[in-house]
Amino acid sequence: MRRSEFQRAVAGEFGSRGAALIADLSLPSLGGRTATEAMDAGIPPRDVWFALCEEMDVPDSHRHGVGRLEPRR
């Protein structure tokens, strides 16, 4: 997952709350960092996405393959 895919996944799952969540929500599984802090520290966006999903109780069906653009035809 790229950072741009992470951003699309957050927007798709959390809508207008997404920006606040990645900036303010402390993620215990990432040492108490926010999503932004974790990625700035070098933690891969995929790992941050899964930590965010875990903390926010996102169903498994919404966790995989999100954030990708539709392939060109």
N, C-alpha and C. Protein backbone atom coordinates (compact mmCIF):
# COMPACT_ATOMS: atom_id res chain seq x y z
N MET A 1 0.84 -1.17 0.00
CA MET A 1 0.00 0.00 0.00
C MET A 1 0.89 1.24 0.00
N ARG A 2 0.59 2.13 -0.90
CA ARG A 2 1.29 3.42 -0.95
C ARG A 2 0.57 4.41 -0.04
N ARG A 3 1.27 5.51 0.24
CA ARG A 3 0.65 6.53 1.10
C ARG A 3 -0.61 7.10 0.45
N SER A 4 -0.60 7.26 -0.87
CA SER A 4 -1.79 7.77 -1.56
C SER A 4 -2.95 6.77 -1.44
N GLU A 5 -2.66 5.48 -1.49
CA GLU A 5 -3.70 4.47 -1.31
C GLU A 5 -4.24 4.52 0.13
N PHE A 6 -3.33 4.74 1.07
CA PHE A 6 -3.75 4.89 2.47
C PHE A 6 -4.73 6.05 2.61
N GLN A 7 -4.40 7.18 2.01
CA GLN A 7 -5.26 8.36 2.10
C GLN A 7 -6.63 8.09 1.49
N ARG A 8 -6.67 7.41 0.33
CA ARG A 8 -7.95 7.07 -0.29
C ARG A 8 -8.75 6.10 0.58
N ALA A 9 -8.06 5.13 1.19
CA ALA A 9 -8.73 4.16 2.05
C ALA A 9 -9.35 4.85 3.26
N VAL A 10 -8.60 5.76 3.88
CA VAL A 10 -9.10 6.50 5.04
C VAL A 10 -10.32 7.33 4.64
N ALA A 11 -10.23 8.04 3.53
CA ALA A 11 -11.35 8.86 3.06
C ALA A 11 -12.56 8.00 2.75
N GLY A 12 -12.34 6.84 2.13
CA GLY A 12 -13.45 5.96 1.78
C GLY A 12 -14.13 5.34 2.99
N GLU A 13 -13.35 5.00 3.99
CA GLU A 13 -13.91 4.34 5.17
C GLU A 13 -14.47 5.32 6.19
N PHE A 14 -13.78 6.43 6.40
CA PHE A 14 -14.15 7.34 7.49
C PHE A 14 -14.70 8.68 7.04
N GLY A 15 -14.69 8.94 5.74
CA GLY A 15 -15.25 10.19 5.23
C GLY A 15 -14.56 11.41 5.80
N SER A 16 -15.37 12.39 6.19
CA SER A 16 -14.81 13.67 6.65
C SER A 16 -14.09 13.55 8.00
N ARG A 17 -14.30 12.48 8.74
CA ARG A 17 -13.59 12.28 10.01
C ARG A 17 -12.17 11.79 9.81
N GLY A 18 -11.86 11.31 8.60
CA GLY A 18 -10.58 10.67 8.35
C GLY A 18 -9.37 11.52 8.68
N ALA A 19 -9.37 12.77 8.25
CA ALA A 19 -8.22 13.65 8.50
C ALA A 19 -7.97 13.81 10.00
N ALA A 20 -9.04 13.97 10.78
CA ALA A 20 -8.88 14.10 12.23
C ALA A 20 -8.37 12.81 12.85
N LEU A 21 -8.86 11.68 12.38
CA LEU A 21 -8.42 10.40 12.94
C LEU A 21 -6.93 10.18 12.73
N ILE A 22 -6.44 10.41 11.53
CA ILE A 22 -5.01 10.12 11.29
C ILE A 22 -4.11 11.14 11.99
N ALA A 23 -4.63 12.31 12.28
CA ALA A 23 -3.83 13.34 12.95
C ALA A 23 -3.89 13.24 14.47
N ASP A 24 -5.01 12.74 15.01
CA ASP A 24 -5.24 12.84 16.46
C ASP A 24 -5.35 11.52 17.21
N LEU A 25 -5.77 10.45 16.54
CA LEU A 25 -6.02 9.19 17.24
C LEU A 25 -4.71 8.46 17.55
N SER A 26 -4.49 8.21 18.83
CA SER A 26 -3.32 7.45 19.27
C SER A 26 -3.56 5.96 19.01
N LEU A 27 -2.60 5.32 18.38
CA LEU A 27 -2.72 3.90 18.03
C LEU A 27 -1.79 3.08 18.93
N PRO A 28 -2.35 2.38 19.93
CA PRO A 28 -1.53 1.63 20.88
C PRO A 28 -0.60 0.61 20.22
N SER A 29 -1.06 -0.03 19.17
CA SER A 29 -0.23 -1.06 18.52
C SER A 29 0.95 -0.46 17.77
N LEU A 30 0.97 0.87 17.63
CA LEU A 30 2.10 1.56 16.98
C LEU A 30 2.85 2.43 17.99
N GLY A 31 2.83 2.00 19.24
CA GLY A 31 3.57 2.71 20.27
C GLY A 31 2.92 4.02 20.69
N GLY A 32 1.61 4.14 20.49
CA GLY A 32 0.91 5.34 20.88
C GLY A 32 1.03 6.48 19.88
N ARG A 33 1.63 6.21 18.74
CA ARG A 33 1.75 7.24 17.70
C ARG A 33 0.41 7.41 16.98
N THR A 34 0.25 8.58 16.39
CA THR A 34 -0.87 8.77 15.48
C THR A 34 -0.48 8.13 14.15
N ALA A 35 -1.43 7.99 13.25
CA ALA A 35 -1.13 7.43 11.93
C ALA A 35 -0.10 8.29 11.21
N THR A 36 -0.25 9.59 11.28
CA THR A 36 0.69 10.50 10.62
C THR A 36 2.08 10.35 11.22
N GLU A 37 2.18 10.34 12.53
CA GLU A 37 3.48 10.18 13.19
C GLU A 37 4.13 8.85 12.83
N ALA A 38 3.32 7.79 12.78
CA ALA A 38 3.85 6.47 12.47
C ALA A 38 4.45 6.43 11.05
N MET A 39 3.72 6.97 10.08
CA MET A 39 4.23 6.95 8.71
C MET A 39 5.46 7.86 8.58
N ASP A 40 5.45 8.99 9.27
CA ASP A 40 6.62 9.87 9.25
C ASP A 40 7.84 9.20 9.88
N ALA A 41 7.60 8.26 10.79
CA ALA A 41 8.69 7.52 11.44
C ALA A 41 9.14 6.32 10.60
N GLY A 42 8.49 6.10 9.46
CA GLY A 42 8.91 5.03 8.56
C GLY A 42 8.10 3.76 8.63
N ILE A 43 7.05 3.74 9.40
CA ILE A 43 6.18 2.56 9.45
C ILE A 43 5.38 2.51 8.16
N PRO A 44 5.37 1.37 7.47
CA PRO A 44 4.66 1.28 6.18
C PRO A 44 3.17 1.62 6.30
N PRO A 45 2.63 2.33 5.31
CA PRO A 45 1.22 2.70 5.34
C PRO A 45 0.28 1.51 5.54
N ARG A 46 0.64 0.36 4.99
CA ARG A 46 -0.21 -0.84 5.16
C ARG A 46 -0.33 -1.21 6.63
N ASP A 47 0.79 -1.17 7.36
CA ASP A 47 0.76 -1.50 8.79
C ASP A 47 -0.04 -0.46 9.57
N VAL A 48 0.09 0.80 9.17
CA VAL A 48 -0.66 1.86 9.82
C VAL A 48 -2.16 1.69 9.54
N TRP A 49 -2.49 1.34 8.30
CA TRP A 49 -3.90 1.11 7.94
C TRP A 49 -4.50 0.01 8.80
N PHE A 50 -3.80 -1.11 8.94
CA PHE A 50 -4.33 -2.21 9.73
C PHE A 50 -4.46 -1.83 11.21
N ALA A 51 -3.52 -1.05 11.73
CA ALA A 51 -3.60 -0.60 13.12
C ALA A 51 -4.81 0.33 13.31
N LEU A 52 -5.02 1.21 12.35
CA LEU A 52 -6.17 2.11 12.41
C LEU A 52 -7.48 1.32 12.34
N CYS A 53 -7.53 0.35 11.45
CA CYS A 53 -8.72 -0.49 11.32
C CYS A 53 -9.00 -1.25 12.61
N GLU A 54 -7.94 -1.77 13.22
CA GLU A 54 -8.10 -2.50 14.47
C GLU A 54 -8.65 -1.59 15.56
N GLU A 55 -8.09 -0.42 15.68
CA GLU A 55 -8.52 0.52 16.73
C GLU A 55 -9.96 0.99 16.52
N MET A 56 -10.37 1.14 15.27
CA MET A 56 -11.70 1.66 14.96
C MET A 56 -12.72 0.55 14.68
N ASP A 57 -12.35 -0.70 14.89
CA ASP A 57 -13.25 -1.84 14.68
C ASP A 57 -13.83 -1.90 13.27
N VAL A 58 -12.98 -1.65 12.30
CA VAL A 58 -13.39 -1.76 10.90
C VAL A 58 -13.49 -3.25 10.56
N PRO A 59 -14.59 -3.69 9.95
CA PRO A 59 -14.74 -5.10 9.61
C PRO A 59 -13.65 -5.58 8.64
N ASP A 60 -13.29 -6.83 8.75
CA ASP A 60 -12.25 -7.41 7.88
C ASP A 60 -12.56 -7.19 6.40
N SER A 61 -13.82 -7.23 6.05
CA SER A 61 -14.21 -7.09 4.65
C SER A 61 -13.88 -5.70 4.09
N HIS A 62 -13.63 -4.73 4.95
CA HIS A 62 -13.31 -3.37 4.51
C HIS A 62 -11.82 -3.08 4.57
N ARG A 63 -11.01 -4.04 5.02
CA ARG A 63 -9.60 -3.78 5.27
C ARG A 63 -8.68 -4.07 4.09
N HIS A 64 -9.06 -4.99 3.24
CA HIS A 64 -8.14 -5.45 2.18
C HIS A 64 -8.54 -4.92 0.82
N GLY A 65 -7.54 -4.46 0.07
CA GLY A 65 -7.77 -4.00 -1.29
C GLY A 65 -8.36 -2.63 -1.41
N VAL A 66 -8.48 -1.89 -0.30
CA VAL A 66 -9.04 -0.55 -0.35
C VAL A 66 -7.97 0.46 -0.74
N GLY A 67 -8.42 1.56 -1.28
CA GLY A 67 -7.51 2.63 -1.64
C GLY A 67 -6.91 2.53 -3.02
N ARG A 68 -7.12 1.41 -3.66
CA ARG A 68 -6.59 1.24 -5.02
C ARG A 68 -7.51 1.87 -6.03
N LEU A 69 -6.90 2.42 -7.06
CA LEU A 69 -7.69 2.95 -8.16
C LEU A 69 -8.14 1.81 -9.04
N GLU A 70 -9.26 2.00 -9.71
CA GLU A 70 -9.73 1.00 -10.65
C GLU A 70 -8.73 0.93 -11.83
N PRO A 71 -8.43 -0.28 -12.30
CA PRO A 71 -7.50 -0.39 -13.43
C PRO A 71 -8.04 0.30 -14.68
N ARG A 72 -7.11 0.83 -15.46
CA ARG A 72 -7.52 1.45 -16.72
C ARG A 72 -7.95 0.37 -17.70
N ARG A 73 -8.86 0.75 -18.56
CA ARG A 73 -9.36 -0.23 -19.54
C ARG A 73 -8.86 0.10 -20.91
